C-alpha atoms as a PDB file:
ATOM      1  CA  MET A   1    -119.840  -9.055 -24.077  1.00  0.00           C
ATOM      2  CA  ARG A   2    -123.578  -7.722 -24.589  1.00  0.00           C
ATOM      3  CA  TRP A   3    -124.569 -11.006 -22.527  1.00  0.00           C
ATOM      4  CA  LEU A   4    -122.316 -10.695 -20.060  1.00  0.00           C
ATOM      5  CA  LYS A   5    -123.594  -7.117 -18.969  1.00  0.00           C
ATOM      6  CA  GLY A   6    -127.158  -9.030 -19.522  1.00  0.00           C
ATOM      7  CA  LEU A   7    -126.712 -11.837 -17.114  1.00  0.00           C
ATOM      8  CA  ILE A   8    -124.996  -9.294 -14.507  1.00  0.00           C
ATOM      9  CA  MET A   9    -127.787  -7.308 -14.214  1.00  0.00           C
ATOM     10  CA  ALA A  10    -129.848  -9.947 -14.199  1.00  0.00           C
ATOM     11  CA  ILE A  11    -127.891 -11.545 -11.077  1.00  0.00           C
ATOM     12  CA  ILE A  12    -128.305  -8.520  -9.482  1.00  0.00           C
ATOM     13  CA  LEU A  13    -131.654  -8.004 -10.267  1.00  0.00           C
ATOM     14  CA  LEU A  14    -132.266 -11.309  -8.602  1.00  0.00           C
ATOM     15  CA  LEU A  15    -130.393 -10.041  -5.496  1.00  0.00           C
ATOM     16  CA  VAL A  16    -132.454  -7.169  -5.473  1.00  0.00           C
ATOM     17  CA  LEU A  17    -135.585  -9.344  -5.594  1.00  0.00           C
ATOM     18  CA  LEU A  18    -134.371 -11.626  -2.881  1.00  0.00           C
ATOM     19  CA  VAL A  19    -133.414  -8.960  -0.467  1.00  0.00           C
ATOM     20  CA  GLY A  20    -137.164  -7.489  -0.877  1.00  0.00           C
ATOM     21  CA  ILE A  21    -138.603 -10.227  -0.250  1.00  0.00           C
ATOM     22  CA  LEU A  22    -136.346 -11.275   2.694  1.00  0.00           C
ATOM     23  CA  PHE A  23    -137.431  -8.096   4.423  1.00  0.00           C
ATOM     24  CA  ALA A  24    -141.151  -8.196   3.716  1.00  0.00           C
ATOM     25  CA  THR A  25    -141.077 -11.749   5.378  1.00  0.00           C
ATOM     26  CA  ASN A  26    -139.285 -10.555   8.288  1.00  0.00           C
ATOM     27  CA  ASN A  27    -141.068  -7.228   8.528  1.00  0.00           C
ATOM     28  CA  GLN A  28    -144.971  -8.613   9.022  1.00  0.00           C
ATOM     29  CA  GLN A  29    -145.722  -7.030  12.584  1.00  0.00           C
ATOM     30  CA  ALA A  30    -148.684  -4.127  12.127  1.00  0.00           C
ATOM     31  CA  VAL A  31    -147.786  -0.601  12.707  1.00  0.00           C
ATOM     32  CA  PRO A  32    -149.613   2.327  12.564  1.00  0.00           C
ATOM     33  CA  LEU A  33    -147.858   5.809  11.002  1.00  0.00           C
ATOM     34  CA  ASN A  34    -148.682   8.523  12.401  1.00  0.00           C
ATOM     35  CA  LEU A  35    -148.361  11.718  10.570  1.00  0.00           C
ATOM     36  CA  ILE A  36    -148.637  14.651  12.638  1.00  0.00           C
ATOM     37  CA  TRP A  37    -151.947  15.871  11.908  1.00  0.00           C
ATOM     38  CA  THR A  38    -153.668  12.166  10.758  1.00  0.00           C
ATOM     39  CA  GLU A  39    -153.067   8.355  11.848  1.00  0.00           C
ATOM     40  CA  LEU A  40    -153.109   5.982   9.084  1.00  0.00           C
ATOM     41  CA  PRO A  41    -154.508   2.253   9.744  1.00  0.00           C
ATOM     42  CA  GLU A  42    -151.999  -0.457  10.923  1.00  0.00           C
ATOM     43  CA  ALA A  43    -150.168  -1.437   7.624  1.00  0.00           C
ATOM     44  CA  SER A  44    -147.167  -3.846   7.930  1.00  0.00           C
ATOM     45  CA  LEU A  45    -143.966  -1.968   8.903  1.00  0.00           C
ATOM     46  CA  SER A  46    -142.220  -3.508   5.246  1.00  0.00           C
ATOM     47  CA  PHE A  47    -145.486  -1.757   3.568  1.00  0.00           C
ATOM     48  CA  TRP A  48    -145.196   1.459   5.481  1.00  0.00           C
ATOM     49  CA  LEU A  49    -141.379   1.578   4.410  1.00  0.00           C
ATOM     50  CA  LEU A  50    -142.004   0.275   0.537  1.00  0.00           C
ATOM     51  CA  ALA A  51    -145.049   3.095   0.131  1.00  0.00           C
ATOM     52  CA  SER A  52    -142.078   6.099   1.828  1.00  0.00           C
ATOM     53  CA  LEU A  53    -139.888   4.762  -0.907  1.00  0.00           C
ATOM     54  CA  ALA A  54    -142.049   5.212  -3.830  1.00  0.00           C
ATOM     55  CA  VAL A  55    -143.688   8.382  -3.020  1.00  0.00           C
ATOM     56  CA  GLY A  56    -139.823   9.366  -2.347  1.00  0.00           C
ATOM     57  CA  VAL A  57    -139.418   8.409  -5.935  1.00  0.00           C
ATOM     58  CA  LEU A  58    -142.365   9.767  -7.746  1.00  0.00           C
ATOM     59  CA  LEU A  59    -141.729  13.151  -5.458  1.00  0.00           C
ATOM     60  CA  GLY A  60    -138.076  13.425  -7.112  1.00  0.00           C
ATOM     61  CA  MET A  61    -139.132  12.461 -10.424  1.00  0.00           C
ATOM     62  CA  LEU A  62    -141.551  15.163 -10.330  1.00  0.00           C
ATOM     63  CA  ALA A  63    -138.752  17.812  -8.622  1.00  0.00           C
ATOM     64  CA  MET A  64    -136.335  16.756 -11.882  1.00  0.00           C
ATOM     65  CA  SER A  65    -139.350  17.395 -14.763  1.00  0.00           C
ATOM     66  CA  GLY A  66    -139.242  20.544 -14.604  1.00  0.00           C
ATOM     67  CA  VAL A  67    -134.872  20.877 -14.928  1.00  0.00           C
ATOM     68  CA  TYR A  68    -135.945  17.588 -17.460  1.00  0.00           C
ATOM     69  CA  LEU A  69    -138.356  19.562 -19.538  1.00  0.00           C
ATOM     70  CA  ARG A  70    -136.217  23.031 -19.983  1.00  0.00           C
ATOM     71  CA  LEU A  71    -133.028  20.879 -21.278  1.00  0.00           C
ATOM     72  CA  ARG A  72    -135.408  19.231 -23.502  1.00  0.00           C
ATOM     73  CA  ALA A  73    -136.304  22.578 -25.052  1.00  0.00           C
ATOM     74  CA  LEU A  74    -132.836  24.092 -24.968  1.00  0.00           C
ATOM     75  CA  LEU A  75    -131.730  20.906 -27.007  1.00  0.00           C
ATOM     76  CA  THR A  76    -134.805  21.205 -29.410  1.00  0.00           C
ATOM     77  CA  ARG A  77    -133.637  25.359 -29.565  1.00  0.00           C
ATOM     78  CA  ALA A  78    -129.808  24.022 -29.783  1.00  0.00           C
ATOM     79  CA  GLN A  79    -131.196  21.511 -33.012  1.00  0.00           C
ATOM     80  CA  ARG A  80    -133.064  23.478 -34.841  1.00  0.00           C
ATOM     81  CA  HIS A  81    -130.115  26.436 -34.620  1.00  0.00           C
ATOM     82  CA  ASN A  82    -127.890  23.662 -35.893  1.00  0.00           C
ATOM     83  CA  GLN A  83    -130.009  22.946 -39.087  1.00  0.00           C
ATOM     84  CA  GLN A  84    -130.126  26.460 -39.552  1.00  0.00           C
ATOM     85  CA  GLN A  85    -126.147  26.716 -39.981  1.00  0.00           C
ATOM     86  CA  ARG A  86    -125.843  23.601 -42.143  1.00  0.00           C
ATOM     87  CA  LYS A  87    -128.882  25.166 -44.594  1.00  0.00           C
ATOM     88  CA  GLU A  88    -126.620  28.333 -45.229  1.00  0.00           C
ATOM     89  CA  LEU A  89    -122.920  26.436 -45.242  1.00  0.00           C
ATOM     90  CA  ASP A  90    -125.204  24.585 -47.108  1.00  0.00           C
ATOM     91  CA  ARG A  91    -126.214  27.243 -49.479  1.00  0.00           C
ATOM     92  CA  LEU A  92    -123.184  29.127 -49.414  1.00  0.00           C
ATOM     93  CA  ARG A  93    -120.887  25.879 -50.845  1.00  0.00           C
ATOM     94  CA  ILE A  94    -123.230  26.000 -53.959  1.00  0.00           C
ATOM     95  CA  GLN A  95    -123.281  29.916 -54.347  1.00  0.00           C
ATOM     96  CA  GLU A  96    -119.190  29.029 -54.451  1.00  0.00           C
ATOM     97  CA  MET A  97    -119.628  26.457 -56.942  1.00  0.00           C
ATOM     98  CA  LYS A  98    -121.630  28.734 -59.387  1.00  0.00           C
ATOM     99  CA  GLU A  99    -118.985  31.325 -58.886  1.00  0.00           C
ATOM    100  CA  LEU A 100    -115.927  29.302 -59.956  1.00  0.00           C
ATOM    101  CA  PRO A 101    -115.009  29.548 -63.674  1.00  0.00           C
END
């Protein structure tokens, strides 16, 4: 079953790569990018679209890093608390065994 999942993922990856290559070859016309305050030099349309996708992904990752760090800290705190509770439970079990005749 694991190899089937790998095969399906490989096929999907190849299809995405093929679509990306077709996209890049069909959008070769050079266009300047006007950003209101500045105009960037001419480059292919596919370059500008892929660059905007990359910038969007990076900004999304940056925006989510705060949430990720907060959740990671909560998980660490919960694991520490869980470990303290286990130690307390073990201590109480040992104490109970010592009290039995």
